[in-house]
């Protein structure tokens, strides 16, 4: 089954207003790139989104297309396998940089467990956002603005705020579901791999040596002599 498409909004990713100028885009990209870079505590996925948002908003044609259709042009970053590999690469980098010697651990299992933790966390966050959306939708239309004599009714700011919250939550929900699909794909990729720890390799070498000795001990030469 294909991974769900993320609802990608470059303005939201770079935290920009729709009328942001070219310099605003450059400044926002620098700020967000620093904040989301994996070496600064961010994630490969978030960093890739920032780069993609910058590509769209810094190109007048791509930006105009998004502004008119609401659809972001797909690119290499949108490839499901590449996103899954970015997740694996980030976790592998963490294993390499950690205090524990990765050669003494089952690295593949450790990466799977880290992905499982992410998946559990995403499921929890998805439940929270779905609850927020349902409650906001039930609340919408229930705020009554007092009418003042001689003044126009004007905009219902609280209702507008709820509408904005619902839109933001729906965008976040779509992104989280896509992130969940990416982690499931990473799990599928890792299913084809195992890792030989130093202890496993040493034990295997000892077993091979013992097997070779046993085989030699039970063999005889063509002349009837036992080979030791």
N, C-alpha and C. Protein backbone atom coordinates (compact mmCIF):
# COMPACT_ATOMS: atom_id res chain seq x y z
N UNK A 1 0.84 -1.19 0.00
CA UNK A 1 0.00 0.00 0.00
C UNK A 1 0.88 1.25 0.00
N UNK A 2 0.58 2.19 -0.86
CA UNK A 2 1.39 3.40 -0.99
C UNK A 2 1.26 4.28 0.24
N UNK A 3 2.37 4.95 0.59
CA UNK A 3 2.35 5.87 1.74
C UNK A 3 1.49 7.07 1.41
N UNK A 4 0.72 7.57 2.40
CA UNK A 4 -0.12 8.74 2.14
C UNK A 4 0.71 9.96 1.83
N UNK A 5 0.22 10.77 0.93
CA UNK A 5 0.92 12.00 0.57
C UNK A 5 0.79 13.03 1.69
N UNK A 6 1.90 13.66 2.01
CA UNK A 6 1.87 14.70 3.03
C UNK A 6 1.29 15.97 2.44
N UNK A 7 0.52 16.68 3.25
CA UNK A 7 0.03 17.99 2.86
C UNK A 7 1.14 18.98 3.16
N UNK A 8 1.92 19.30 2.15
CA UNK A 8 3.13 20.08 2.36
C UNK A 8 2.86 21.56 2.11
N UNK A 9 3.13 22.39 3.12
CA UNK A 9 2.94 23.82 3.01
C UNK A 9 4.27 24.50 3.30
N UNK A 10 4.96 25.00 2.27
CA UNK A 10 6.28 25.61 2.49
C UNK A 10 6.24 26.83 3.40
N UNK A 11 5.12 27.59 3.38
CA UNK A 11 5.01 28.76 4.25
C UNK A 11 4.97 28.32 5.71
N UNK A 12 4.23 27.26 5.97
CA UNK A 12 4.13 26.74 7.34
C UNK A 12 5.50 26.22 7.80
N UNK A 13 6.20 25.51 6.92
CA UNK A 13 7.50 24.94 7.28
C UNK A 13 8.50 26.03 7.65
N UNK A 14 8.52 27.12 6.87
CA UNK A 14 9.47 28.20 7.13
C UNK A 14 8.90 29.28 8.05
N UNK A 15 7.64 29.08 8.48
CA UNK A 15 6.98 30.01 9.40
C UNK A 15 6.91 31.43 8.79
N UNK A 16 6.41 31.48 7.57
CA UNK A 16 6.32 32.73 6.84
C UNK A 16 4.86 33.07 6.49
N UNK A 17 4.61 34.36 6.35
CA UNK A 17 3.33 34.82 5.83
C UNK A 17 3.34 34.69 4.31
N UNK A 18 2.16 34.68 3.72
CA UNK A 18 2.06 34.51 2.26
C UNK A 18 2.70 35.64 1.48
N UNK A 19 2.78 36.82 2.08
CA UNK A 19 3.34 37.95 1.34
C UNK A 19 4.83 38.16 1.64
N UNK A 20 5.48 37.15 2.19
CA UNK A 20 6.90 37.27 2.53
C UNK A 20 7.73 37.53 1.27
N UNK A 21 8.72 38.41 1.40
CA UNK A 21 9.59 38.73 0.28
C UNK A 21 10.77 37.77 0.17
N UNK A 22 11.58 37.95 -0.86
CA UNK A 22 12.72 37.06 -1.10
C UNK A 22 13.70 37.06 0.06
N UNK A 23 13.96 38.24 0.63
CA UNK A 23 14.89 38.32 1.76
C UNK A 23 14.32 37.62 3.00
N UNK A 24 13.00 37.73 3.16
CA UNK A 24 12.35 37.04 4.28
C UNK A 24 12.53 35.52 4.14
N UNK A 25 12.38 35.04 2.90
CA UNK A 25 12.53 33.61 2.63
C UNK A 25 13.95 33.14 2.96
N UNK A 26 14.94 33.90 2.52
CA UNK A 26 16.34 33.55 2.79
C UNK A 26 16.63 33.51 4.29
N UNK A 27 16.14 34.55 4.99
CA UNK A 27 16.38 34.65 6.43
C UNK A 27 15.69 33.50 7.18
N UNK A 28 14.45 33.20 6.78
CA UNK A 28 13.70 32.12 7.43
C UNK A 28 14.36 30.78 7.17
N UNK A 29 14.86 30.60 5.94
CA UNK A 29 15.53 29.34 5.61
C UNK A 29 16.77 29.14 6.48
N UNK A 30 17.57 30.19 6.63
CA UNK A 30 18.78 30.08 7.46
C UNK A 30 18.41 29.72 8.90
N UNK A 31 17.40 30.40 9.43
CA UNK A 31 17.00 30.15 10.83
C UNK A 31 16.48 28.73 11.03
N UNK A 32 15.59 28.31 10.12
CA UNK A 32 14.98 26.99 10.27
C UNK A 32 15.97 25.87 9.97
N UNK A 33 16.90 26.12 9.03
CA UNK A 33 17.92 25.10 8.71
C UNK A 33 18.80 24.85 9.93
N UNK A 34 19.16 25.92 10.64
CA UNK A 34 19.98 25.77 11.85
C UNK A 34 19.20 25.00 12.93
N UNK A 35 17.93 25.34 13.06
CA UNK A 35 17.12 24.73 14.14
C UNK A 35 16.79 23.27 13.88
N UNK A 36 16.65 22.87 12.61
CA UNK A 36 16.21 21.51 12.30
C UNK A 36 17.32 20.58 11.88
N UNK A 37 18.56 21.10 11.76
CA UNK A 37 19.66 20.24 11.33
C UNK A 37 19.88 19.11 12.34
N UNK A 38 20.05 17.86 11.85
CA UNK A 38 20.24 16.73 12.77
C UNK A 38 21.39 16.92 13.76
N UNK A 39 22.45 17.61 13.35
CA UNK A 39 23.58 17.84 14.26
C UNK A 39 23.25 18.82 15.37
N UNK A 40 22.13 19.56 15.21
CA UNK A 40 21.72 20.53 16.22
C UNK A 40 20.52 20.03 17.02
N UNK A 41 20.25 18.73 16.91
CA UNK A 41 19.14 18.15 17.65
C UNK A 41 17.85 18.03 16.86
N UNK A 42 17.87 18.42 15.59
CA UNK A 42 16.69 18.28 14.75
C UNK A 42 16.61 16.89 14.15
N UNK A 43 15.78 16.74 13.12
CA UNK A 43 15.64 15.44 12.47
C UNK A 43 15.92 15.58 10.98
N UNK A 44 16.32 14.47 10.37
CA UNK A 44 16.60 14.48 8.93
C UNK A 44 15.34 14.85 8.15
N UNK A 45 14.20 14.37 8.64
CA UNK A 45 12.93 14.65 7.96
C UNK A 45 12.59 16.14 7.99
N UNK A 46 12.72 16.74 9.17
CA UNK A 46 12.40 18.17 9.30
C UNK A 46 13.37 19.02 8.48
N UNK A 47 14.65 18.62 8.49
CA UNK A 47 15.65 19.37 7.73
C UNK A 47 15.37 19.28 6.24
N UNK A 48 14.95 18.10 5.78
CA UNK A 48 14.62 17.91 4.37
C UNK A 48 13.41 18.77 3.99
N UNK A 49 12.44 18.86 4.89
CA UNK A 49 11.26 19.70 4.62
C UNK A 49 11.65 21.17 4.47
N UNK A 50 12.58 21.62 5.32
CA UNK A 50 13.03 23.02 5.25
C UNK A 50 13.71 23.29 3.91
N UNK A 51 14.55 22.36 3.48
CA UNK A 51 15.23 22.54 2.19
C UNK A 51 14.21 22.55 1.04
N UNK A 52 13.23 21.68 1.13
CA UNK A 52 12.22 21.62 0.07
C UNK A 52 11.39 22.91 0.03
N UNK A 53 11.02 23.40 1.21
CA UNK A 53 10.24 24.65 1.28
C UNK A 53 11.03 25.81 0.68
N UNK A 54 12.33 25.85 0.95
CA UNK A 54 13.16 26.92 0.41
C UNK A 54 13.23 26.84 -1.12
N UNK A 55 13.35 25.63 -1.64
CA UNK A 55 13.40 25.45 -3.10
C UNK A 55 12.13 26.00 -3.74
N UNK A 56 10.99 25.72 -3.14
CA UNK A 56 9.71 26.16 -3.71
C UNK A 56 9.55 27.68 -3.62
N UNK A 57 9.79 28.23 -2.44
CA UNK A 57 9.52 29.66 -2.23
C UNK A 57 10.59 30.57 -2.84
N UNK A 58 11.75 30.03 -3.14
CA UNK A 58 12.78 30.87 -3.76
C UNK A 58 12.72 30.80 -5.29
N UNK A 59 11.85 29.96 -5.81
CA UNK A 59 11.66 29.86 -7.26
C UNK A 59 10.30 30.48 -7.61
N UNK A 60 10.28 31.61 -8.33
CA UNK A 60 9.02 32.31 -8.61
C UNK A 60 7.95 31.44 -9.27
N UNK A 61 8.36 30.55 -10.18
CA UNK A 61 7.38 29.69 -10.87
C UNK A 61 6.78 28.66 -9.93
N UNK A 62 7.65 28.02 -9.15
CA UNK A 62 7.16 27.01 -8.20
C UNK A 62 6.30 27.65 -7.12
N UNK A 63 6.69 28.84 -6.69
CA UNK A 63 5.92 29.54 -5.66
C UNK A 63 4.55 29.95 -6.21
N UNK A 64 4.53 30.47 -7.44
CA UNK A 64 3.26 30.88 -8.04
C UNK A 64 2.33 29.69 -8.22
N UNK A 65 2.91 28.55 -8.59
CA UNK A 65 2.09 27.34 -8.75
C UNK A 65 1.47 26.92 -7.42
N UNK A 66 2.30 26.96 -6.36
CA UNK A 66 1.77 26.59 -5.05
C UNK A 66 0.69 27.58 -4.60
N UNK A 67 0.94 28.87 -4.81
CA UNK A 67 -0.03 29.89 -4.39
C UNK A 67 -1.36 29.73 -5.10
N UNK A 68 -1.34 29.28 -6.34
CA UNK A 68 -2.58 29.18 -7.10
C UNK A 68 -3.29 27.84 -6.92
N UNK A 69 -2.52 26.77 -6.66
CA UNK A 69 -3.13 25.43 -6.56
C UNK A 69 -3.09 24.82 -5.17
N UNK A 70 -2.16 25.33 -4.33
CA UNK A 70 -2.00 24.73 -3.00
C UNK A 70 -1.23 23.42 -3.04
N UNK A 71 -0.67 23.08 -4.20
CA UNK A 71 0.06 21.84 -4.35
C UNK A 71 1.55 22.12 -4.53
N UNK A 72 2.37 21.45 -3.73
CA UNK A 72 3.82 21.62 -3.82
C UNK A 72 4.38 20.62 -4.81
N UNK A 73 5.29 21.09 -5.64
CA UNK A 73 5.90 20.19 -6.62
C UNK A 73 6.67 19.09 -5.91
N UNK A 74 6.44 17.83 -6.32
CA UNK A 74 7.21 16.75 -5.71
C UNK A 74 8.66 16.80 -6.17
N UNK A 75 9.54 16.32 -5.32
CA UNK A 75 10.95 16.24 -5.71
C UNK A 75 11.56 15.01 -5.07
N UNK A 76 12.87 14.90 -5.15
CA UNK A 76 13.53 13.69 -4.64
C UNK A 76 13.26 13.48 -3.16
N UNK A 77 13.09 14.59 -2.42
CA UNK A 77 12.85 14.49 -0.98
C UNK A 77 11.53 13.78 -0.69
N UNK A 78 10.61 13.82 -1.67
CA UNK A 78 9.29 13.25 -1.47
C UNK A 78 9.27 11.75 -1.72
N UNK A 79 10.41 11.16 -2.05
CA UNK A 79 10.50 9.74 -2.32
C UNK A 79 10.43 8.97 -1.00
N UNK A 80 9.49 8.02 -0.90
CA UNK A 80 9.26 7.32 0.37
C UNK A 80 10.50 6.56 0.84
N UNK A 81 11.17 5.87 -0.07
CA UNK A 81 12.36 5.11 0.33
C UNK A 81 13.48 6.03 0.79
N UNK A 82 13.62 7.17 0.14
CA UNK A 82 14.68 8.10 0.54
C UNK A 82 14.40 8.65 1.93
N UNK A 83 13.13 8.98 2.21
CA UNK A 83 12.81 9.49 3.54
C UNK A 83 13.06 8.41 4.60
N UNK A 84 12.71 7.16 4.26
CA UNK A 84 12.94 6.06 5.20
C UNK A 84 14.44 5.87 5.45
N UNK A 85 15.24 5.98 4.40
CA UNK A 85 16.69 5.84 4.56
C UNK A 85 17.28 7.00 5.35
N UNK A 86 16.69 8.19 5.24
CA UNK A 86 17.15 9.32 6.04
C UNK A 86 16.93 9.06 7.52
N UNK A 87 15.80 8.44 7.85
CA UNK A 87 15.50 8.10 9.24
C UNK A 87 16.52 7.08 9.76
N UNK A 88 16.78 6.04 8.95
CA UNK A 88 17.76 5.02 9.35
C UNK A 88 19.15 5.64 9.50
N UNK A 89 19.52 6.51 8.56
CA UNK A 89 20.84 7.15 8.61
C UNK A 89 21.00 7.99 9.87
N UNK A 90 19.95 8.71 10.25
CA UNK A 90 20.02 9.54 11.45
C UNK A 90 20.23 8.67 12.70
N UNK A 91 19.52 7.54 12.77
CA UNK A 91 19.65 6.66 13.93
C UNK A 91 21.00 5.94 13.93
N UNK A 92 21.49 5.59 12.75
CA UNK A 92 22.81 4.97 12.66
C UNK A 92 23.89 5.95 13.09
N UNK A 93 23.73 7.21 12.70
CA UNK A 93 24.68 8.25 13.10
C UNK A 93 24.70 8.38 14.63
N UNK A 94 23.51 8.29 15.23
CA UNK A 94 23.43 8.36 16.68
C UNK A 94 24.15 7.20 17.34
N UNK A 95 24.04 6.00 16.74
CA UNK A 95 24.74 4.83 17.30
C UNK A 95 26.25 5.00 17.19
N UNK A 96 26.71 5.58 16.10
CA UNK A 96 28.15 5.79 15.90
C UNK A 96 28.72 6.82 16.88
N UNK A 97 27.89 7.81 17.22
CA UNK A 97 28.37 8.90 18.08
C UNK A 97 28.14 8.63 19.57
N UNK A 98 27.41 7.58 19.89
CA UNK A 98 27.06 7.31 21.29
C UNK A 98 28.23 6.84 22.13
N UNK A 99 28.01 6.77 23.45
CA UNK A 99 29.05 6.34 24.39
C UNK A 99 29.34 4.84 24.25
N UNK A 100 28.29 4.07 23.99
CA UNK A 100 28.46 2.62 23.89
C UNK A 100 29.11 2.24 22.56
N UNK A 101 30.00 1.25 22.61
CA UNK A 101 30.64 0.77 21.39
C UNK A 101 29.59 0.03 20.56
N UNK A 102 29.25 0.54 19.36
CA UNK A 102 28.19 -0.09 18.57
C UNK A 102 28.54 -1.50 18.10
N UNK A 103 29.84 -1.85 18.09
CA UNK A 103 30.22 -3.20 17.66
C UNK A 103 29.84 -4.26 18.69
N UNK A 104 29.54 -3.79 19.91
CA UNK A 104 29.15 -4.74 20.97
C UNK A 104 27.64 -4.81 21.16
N UNK A 105 26.90 -4.14 20.29
CA UNK A 105 25.43 -4.15 20.38
C UNK A 105 24.85 -4.64 19.06
N UNK A 106 23.61 -5.06 19.11
CA UNK A 106 22.89 -5.42 17.88
C UNK A 106 22.33 -4.12 17.31
N UNK A 107 23.08 -3.50 16.41
CA UNK A 107 22.73 -2.17 15.91
C UNK A 107 21.39 -2.18 15.18
N UNK A 108 21.14 -3.20 14.39
CA UNK A 108 19.88 -3.26 13.64
C UNK A 108 18.69 -3.33 14.59
N UNK A 109 18.80 -4.17 15.61
CA UNK A 109 17.71 -4.26 16.59
C UNK A 109 17.53 -2.94 17.33
N UNK A 110 18.65 -2.29 17.68
CA UNK A 110 18.57 -1.00 18.39
C UNK A 110 17.87 0.05 17.52
N UNK A 111 18.17 0.06 16.22
CA UNK A 111 17.51 1.02 15.31
C UNK A 111 16.03 0.70 15.20
N UNK A 112 15.69 -0.57 15.11
CA UNK A 112 14.28 -0.96 15.05
C UNK A 112 13.54 -0.50 16.32
N UNK A 113 14.18 -0.69 17.47
CA UNK A 113 13.54 -0.29 18.73
C UNK A 113 13.34 1.22 18.79
N UNK A 114 14.32 1.98 18.29
CA UNK A 114 14.18 3.44 18.26
C UNK A 114 13.03 3.85 17.35
N UNK A 115 12.88 3.17 16.21
CA UNK A 115 11.77 3.46 15.29
C UNK A 115 10.45 3.09 15.95
N UNK A 116 10.41 1.96 16.66
CA UNK A 116 9.19 1.56 17.37
C UNK A 116 8.77 2.63 18.39
N UNK A 117 9.77 3.20 19.07
CA UNK A 117 9.47 4.26 20.05
C UNK A 117 8.88 5.48 19.34
N UNK A 118 9.46 5.82 18.19
CA UNK A 118 8.93 6.93 17.38
C UNK A 118 7.50 6.66 16.95
N UNK A 119 7.25 5.43 16.51
CA UNK A 119 5.92 5.06 16.04
C UNK A 119 4.90 5.19 17.16
N UNK A 120 5.26 4.70 18.35
CA UNK A 120 4.36 4.79 19.50
C UNK A 120 4.07 6.26 19.84
N UNK A 121 5.13 7.08 19.80
CA UNK A 121 4.97 8.51 20.09
C UNK A 121 4.07 9.18 19.05
N UNK A 122 4.27 8.83 17.78
CA UNK A 122 3.44 9.42 16.71
C UNK A 122 1.97 9.03 16.86
N UNK A 123 1.73 7.76 17.21
CA UNK A 123 0.34 7.31 17.42
C UNK A 123 -0.32 8.13 18.54
N UNK A 124 0.45 8.38 19.61
CA UNK A 124 -0.09 9.17 20.72
C UNK A 124 -0.39 10.60 20.28
N UNK A 125 0.54 11.20 19.54
CA UNK A 125 0.34 12.58 19.08
C UNK A 125 -0.82 12.66 18.08
N UNK A 126 -0.97 11.66 17.24
CA UNK A 126 -2.08 11.63 16.29
C UNK A 126 -3.41 11.58 17.03
N UNK A 127 -3.47 10.77 18.08
CA UNK A 127 -4.72 10.70 18.87
C UNK A 127 -5.05 12.06 19.48
N UNK A 128 -4.03 12.74 19.99
CA UNK A 128 -4.25 14.07 20.60
C UNK A 128 -4.76 15.06 19.55
N UNK A 129 -4.12 15.09 18.39
CA UNK A 129 -4.53 16.05 17.35
C UNK A 129 -5.93 15.74 16.84
N UNK A 130 -6.25 14.47 16.68
CA UNK A 130 -7.61 14.10 16.24
C UNK A 130 -8.64 14.56 17.26
N UNK A 131 -8.29 14.45 18.54
CA UNK A 131 -9.19 14.93 19.60
C UNK A 131 -9.36 16.44 19.53
N UNK A 132 -8.25 17.15 19.28
CA UNK A 132 -8.29 18.61 19.16
C UNK A 132 -9.21 19.02 18.01
N UNK A 133 -9.06 18.36 16.86
CA UNK A 133 -9.87 18.70 15.68
C UNK A 133 -11.34 18.47 15.96
N UNK A 134 -11.68 17.33 16.55
CA UNK A 134 -13.09 17.03 16.83
C UNK A 134 -13.70 18.05 17.79
N UNK A 135 -12.93 18.41 18.81
CA UNK A 135 -13.46 19.37 19.78
C UNK A 135 -13.59 20.76 19.17
N UNK A 136 -12.59 21.15 18.37
CA UNK A 136 -12.65 22.48 17.74
C UNK A 136 -13.83 22.57 16.77
N UNK A 137 -14.08 21.49 16.04
CA UNK A 137 -15.21 21.49 15.11
C UNK A 137 -16.54 21.59 15.85
N UNK A 138 -16.62 20.95 17.01
CA UNK A 138 -17.86 21.04 17.82
C UNK A 138 -18.04 22.43 18.42
N UNK A 139 -16.92 23.10 18.72
CA UNK A 139 -16.99 24.43 19.33
C UNK A 139 -17.30 25.52 18.31
N UNK A 140 -16.90 25.27 17.06
CA UNK A 140 -17.04 26.31 16.05
C UNK A 140 -18.51 26.67 15.85
N UNK A 141 -18.76 27.97 15.81
CA UNK A 141 -20.13 28.46 15.65
C UNK A 141 -20.85 28.70 16.97
N UNK A 142 -20.19 28.39 18.10
CA UNK A 142 -20.83 28.57 19.40
C UNK A 142 -20.42 29.87 20.10
N UNK A 143 -19.43 30.55 19.54
CA UNK A 143 -19.05 31.84 20.12
C UNK A 143 -19.98 32.93 19.59
N UNK A 144 -20.57 33.66 20.48
CA UNK A 144 -21.49 34.74 20.10
C UNK A 144 -20.85 36.08 20.42
N UNK A 145 -20.77 36.89 19.42
CA UNK A 145 -20.18 38.21 19.62
C UNK A 145 -21.30 39.22 19.93
N UNK A 146 -21.10 39.98 21.01
CA UNK A 146 -22.12 40.95 21.41
C UNK A 146 -22.29 42.04 20.35
N UNK A 147 -23.50 42.41 20.09
CA UNK A 147 -23.78 43.49 19.13
C UNK A 147 -23.78 44.83 19.86
N UNK A 148 -23.05 45.77 19.31
CA UNK A 148 -22.99 47.10 19.91
C UNK A 148 -23.73 48.09 19.02
N UNK A 149 -24.45 48.93 19.66
CA UNK A 149 -25.27 49.89 18.93
C UNK A 149 -24.39 50.81 18.08
N UNK A 150 -24.78 50.96 16.84
CA UNK A 150 -24.08 51.87 15.94
C UNK A 150 -22.78 51.33 15.39
N UNK A 151 -22.46 50.07 15.72
CA UNK A 151 -21.22 49.48 15.21
C UNK A 151 -21.56 48.22 14.41
N UNK A 152 -20.84 48.00 13.30
CA UNK A 152 -21.08 46.78 12.51
C UNK A 152 -20.67 45.55 13.31
N UNK A 153 -21.29 44.43 12.98
CA UNK A 153 -20.99 43.19 13.70
C UNK A 153 -19.51 42.81 13.61
N UNK A 154 -18.93 42.98 12.42
CA UNK A 154 -17.51 42.65 12.23
C UNK A 154 -17.26 41.15 12.28
N UNK A 155 -16.02 40.81 12.25
CA UNK A 155 -15.60 39.41 12.20
C UNK A 155 -15.67 38.77 13.58
N UNK A 156 -16.12 37.52 13.61
CA UNK A 156 -16.11 36.75 14.85
C UNK A 156 -14.69 36.19 15.02
N UNK A 157 -13.88 36.88 15.80
CA UNK A 157 -12.46 36.54 15.91
C UNK A 157 -12.23 35.16 16.54
N UNK A 158 -13.06 34.80 17.50
CA UNK A 158 -12.87 33.51 18.15
C UNK A 158 -13.22 32.35 17.22
N UNK A 159 -14.27 32.54 16.41
CA UNK A 159 -14.60 31.51 15.41
C UNK A 159 -13.49 31.40 14.36
N UNK A 160 -12.97 32.55 13.96
CA UNK A 160 -11.87 32.55 12.98
C UNK A 160 -10.64 31.86 13.56
N UNK A 161 -10.41 32.08 14.86
CA UNK A 161 -9.28 31.43 15.51
C UNK A 161 -9.45 29.91 15.50
N UNK A 162 -10.65 29.44 15.76
CA UNK A 162 -10.92 28.00 15.73
C UNK A 162 -10.70 27.42 14.33
N UNK A 163 -11.16 28.16 13.32
CA UNK A 163 -10.97 27.71 11.94
C UNK A 163 -9.49 27.58 11.62
N UNK A 164 -8.69 28.56 12.08
CA UNK A 164 -7.25 28.51 11.86
C UNK A 164 -6.64 27.32 12.59
N UNK A 165 -7.07 27.09 13.83
CA UNK A 165 -6.55 25.97 14.62
C UNK A 165 -6.86 24.64 13.94
N UNK A 166 -8.06 24.51 13.41
CA UNK A 166 -8.45 23.27 12.73
C UNK A 166 -7.57 23.05 11.50
N UNK A 167 -7.36 24.12 10.72
CA UNK A 167 -6.54 24.00 9.52
C UNK A 167 -5.11 23.60 9.86
N UNK A 168 -4.54 24.23 10.89
CA UNK A 168 -3.18 23.90 11.31
C UNK A 168 -3.10 22.46 11.83
N UNK A 169 -4.11 22.06 12.60
CA UNK A 169 -4.11 20.71 13.15
C UNK A 169 -4.24 19.67 12.04
N UNK A 170 -5.07 19.94 11.04
CA UNK A 170 -5.24 19.00 9.92
C UNK A 170 -3.95 18.85 9.13
N UNK A 171 -3.24 19.97 8.94
CA UNK A 171 -1.95 19.91 8.24
C UNK A 171 -0.94 19.09 9.05
N UNK A 172 -0.92 19.34 10.36
CA UNK A 172 -0.02 18.58 11.23
C UNK A 172 -0.37 17.10 11.26
N UNK A 173 -1.66 16.79 11.25
CA UNK A 173 -2.11 15.41 11.26
C UNK A 173 -1.67 14.68 10.00
N UNK A 174 -1.83 15.34 8.85
CA UNK A 174 -1.42 14.73 7.59
C UNK A 174 0.08 14.45 7.59
N UNK A 175 0.86 15.38 8.11
CA UNK A 175 2.32 15.20 8.16
C UNK A 175 2.71 14.07 9.11
N UNK A 176 2.01 13.97 10.24
CA UNK A 176 2.33 12.91 11.19
C UNK A 176 1.99 11.53 10.63
N UNK A 177 0.88 11.44 9.91
CA UNK A 177 0.51 10.16 9.30
C UNK A 177 1.52 9.76 8.23
N UNK A 178 2.02 10.75 7.49
CA UNK A 178 3.05 10.46 6.50
C UNK A 178 4.35 10.04 7.18
N UNK A 179 4.69 10.71 8.31
CA UNK A 179 5.89 10.34 9.06
C UNK A 179 5.77 8.91 9.59
N UNK A 180 4.56 8.53 9.98
CA UNK A 180 4.30 7.17 10.45
C UNK A 180 4.55 6.17 9.32
N UNK A 181 4.06 6.50 8.13
CA UNK A 181 4.27 5.63 6.96
C UNK A 181 5.76 5.50 6.64
N UNK A 182 6.50 6.61 6.78
CA UNK A 182 7.94 6.58 6.52
C UNK A 182 8.65 5.64 7.48
N UNK A 183 8.25 5.64 8.74
CA UNK A 183 8.88 4.77 9.73
C UNK A 183 8.51 3.32 9.51
N UNK A 184 7.30 3.07 9.04
CA UNK A 184 6.91 1.70 8.71
C UNK A 184 7.74 1.19 7.53
N UNK A 185 7.99 2.09 6.57
CA UNK A 185 8.83 1.72 5.43
C UNK A 185 10.26 1.45 5.89
N UNK A 186 10.76 2.24 6.83
CA UNK A 186 12.11 2.02 7.37
C UNK A 186 12.19 0.64 8.02
N UNK A 187 11.14 0.26 8.73
CA UNK A 187 11.07 -1.07 9.35
C UNK A 187 11.14 -2.15 8.29
N UNK A 188 10.42 -1.96 7.19
CA UNK A 188 10.41 -2.94 6.11
C UNK A 188 11.81 -3.10 5.52
N UNK A 189 12.52 -1.98 5.35
CA UNK A 189 13.89 -2.04 4.81
C UNK A 189 14.80 -2.80 5.76
N UNK A 190 14.68 -2.53 7.07
CA UNK A 190 15.55 -3.16 8.06
C UNK A 190 15.27 -4.66 8.22
N UNK A 191 14.08 -5.11 7.79
CA UNK A 191 13.72 -6.53 7.92
C UNK A 191 14.68 -7.42 7.13
N UNK A 192 15.36 -6.86 6.14
CA UNK A 192 16.29 -7.64 5.32
C UNK A 192 17.70 -7.65 5.88
N UNK A 193 17.90 -7.05 7.05
CA UNK A 193 19.27 -6.90 7.58
C UNK A 193 19.40 -7.47 8.99
N UNK A 194 20.63 -7.90 9.28
CA UNK A 194 21.00 -8.28 10.65
C UNK A 194 22.40 -7.70 10.90
N UNK A 195 22.87 -7.78 12.13
CA UNK A 195 24.18 -7.20 12.46
C UNK A 195 24.96 -8.20 13.29
N UNK A 196 26.20 -8.46 12.88
CA UNK A 196 27.08 -9.38 13.62
C UNK A 196 27.90 -8.58 14.63
N UNK A 197 27.57 -8.75 15.90
CA UNK A 197 28.33 -8.08 16.95
C UNK A 197 29.71 -8.72 17.08
N UNK A 198 30.61 -8.03 17.75
CA UNK A 198 31.96 -8.58 17.95
C UNK A 198 31.88 -9.90 18.69
N UNK A 199 30.99 -9.98 19.70
CA UNK A 199 30.85 -11.21 20.46
C UNK A 199 30.34 -12.34 19.57
N UNK A 200 29.39 -12.00 18.69
CA UNK A 200 28.84 -13.01 17.79
C UNK A 200 29.91 -13.52 16.82
N UNK A 201 30.73 -12.57 16.30
CA UNK A 201 31.78 -12.96 15.36
C UNK A 201 32.82 -13.83 16.04
N UNK A 202 33.18 -13.47 17.29
CA UNK A 202 34.17 -14.26 18.02
C UNK A 202 33.65 -15.66 18.30
N UNK A 203 32.37 -15.73 18.70
CA UNK A 203 31.76 -17.04 18.98
C UNK A 203 31.69 -17.87 17.70
N UNK A 204 31.35 -17.21 16.59
CA UNK A 204 31.27 -17.92 15.31
C UNK A 204 32.63 -18.46 14.90
N UNK A 205 33.67 -17.65 15.10
CA UNK A 205 35.01 -18.09 14.74
C UNK A 205 35.45 -19.28 15.60
N UNK A 206 35.11 -19.24 16.91
CA UNK A 206 35.45 -20.36 17.80
C UNK A 206 34.72 -21.63 17.38
N UNK A 207 33.43 -21.46 17.00
CA UNK A 207 32.63 -22.61 16.59
C UNK A 207 33.18 -23.21 15.29
N UNK A 208 33.57 -22.32 14.36
CA UNK A 208 34.12 -22.80 13.10
C UNK A 208 35.43 -23.56 13.32
N UNK A 209 36.24 -23.04 14.24
CA UNK A 209 37.51 -23.71 14.55
C UNK A 209 37.25 -25.08 15.17
N UNK A 210 36.26 -25.12 16.09
CA UNK A 210 35.93 -26.39 16.74
C UNK A 210 35.38 -27.39 15.73
N UNK A 211 34.54 -26.91 14.81
CA UNK A 211 33.97 -27.80 13.79
C UNK A 211 35.07 -28.35 12.88
N UNK A 212 36.01 -27.45 12.52
CA UNK A 212 37.11 -27.89 11.65
C UNK A 212 37.98 -28.94 12.34
N UNK A 213 38.23 -28.72 13.65
CA UNK A 213 39.04 -29.68 14.42
C UNK A 213 38.32 -31.02 14.53
N UNK A 214 36.99 -30.95 14.79
CA UNK A 214 36.21 -32.19 14.92
C UNK A 214 36.19 -32.95 13.60
N UNK A 215 36.06 -32.20 12.51
CA UNK A 215 36.03 -32.85 11.20
C UNK A 215 37.37 -33.51 10.90
N UNK A 216 38.45 -32.78 11.24
CA UNK A 216 39.79 -33.33 10.98
C UNK A 216 40.05 -34.55 11.86
N UNK A 217 39.57 -34.50 13.10
CA UNK A 217 39.82 -35.59 14.04
C UNK A 217 39.10 -36.87 13.63
N UNK A 218 37.98 -36.72 12.95
CA UNK A 218 37.19 -37.90 12.58
C UNK A 218 37.52 -38.39 11.18
N UNK A 219 38.46 -37.74 10.51
CA UNK A 219 38.81 -38.13 9.14
C UNK A 219 40.01 -39.07 9.15
N UNK A 220 40.10 -39.84 8.11
CA UNK A 220 41.26 -40.73 7.94
C UNK A 220 41.89 -40.47 6.60
N UNK A 221 43.17 -40.76 6.52
CA UNK A 221 43.89 -40.57 5.26
C UNK A 221 43.60 -41.75 4.34
N UNK A 222 43.96 -41.64 3.08
CA UNK A 222 43.76 -42.77 2.17
C UNK A 222 44.52 -44.00 2.61
N UNK A 223 45.52 -43.80 3.51
CA UNK A 223 46.32 -44.94 3.96
C UNK A 223 45.80 -45.51 5.27
N UNK A 224 44.67 -45.02 5.76
CA UNK A 224 44.08 -45.58 6.98
C UNK A 224 44.50 -44.90 8.23
N UNK A 225 45.39 -43.89 8.14
CA UNK A 225 45.81 -43.16 9.36
C UNK A 225 44.83 -42.03 9.66
N UNK A 226 44.53 -41.83 10.95
CA UNK A 226 43.68 -40.71 11.36
C UNK A 226 44.43 -39.39 11.21
N UNK A 227 43.74 -38.39 10.71
CA UNK A 227 44.35 -37.08 10.51
C UNK A 227 44.04 -36.21 11.71
N UNK A 228 45.09 -35.69 12.35
CA UNK A 228 44.91 -34.78 13.51
C UNK A 228 45.31 -33.40 13.16
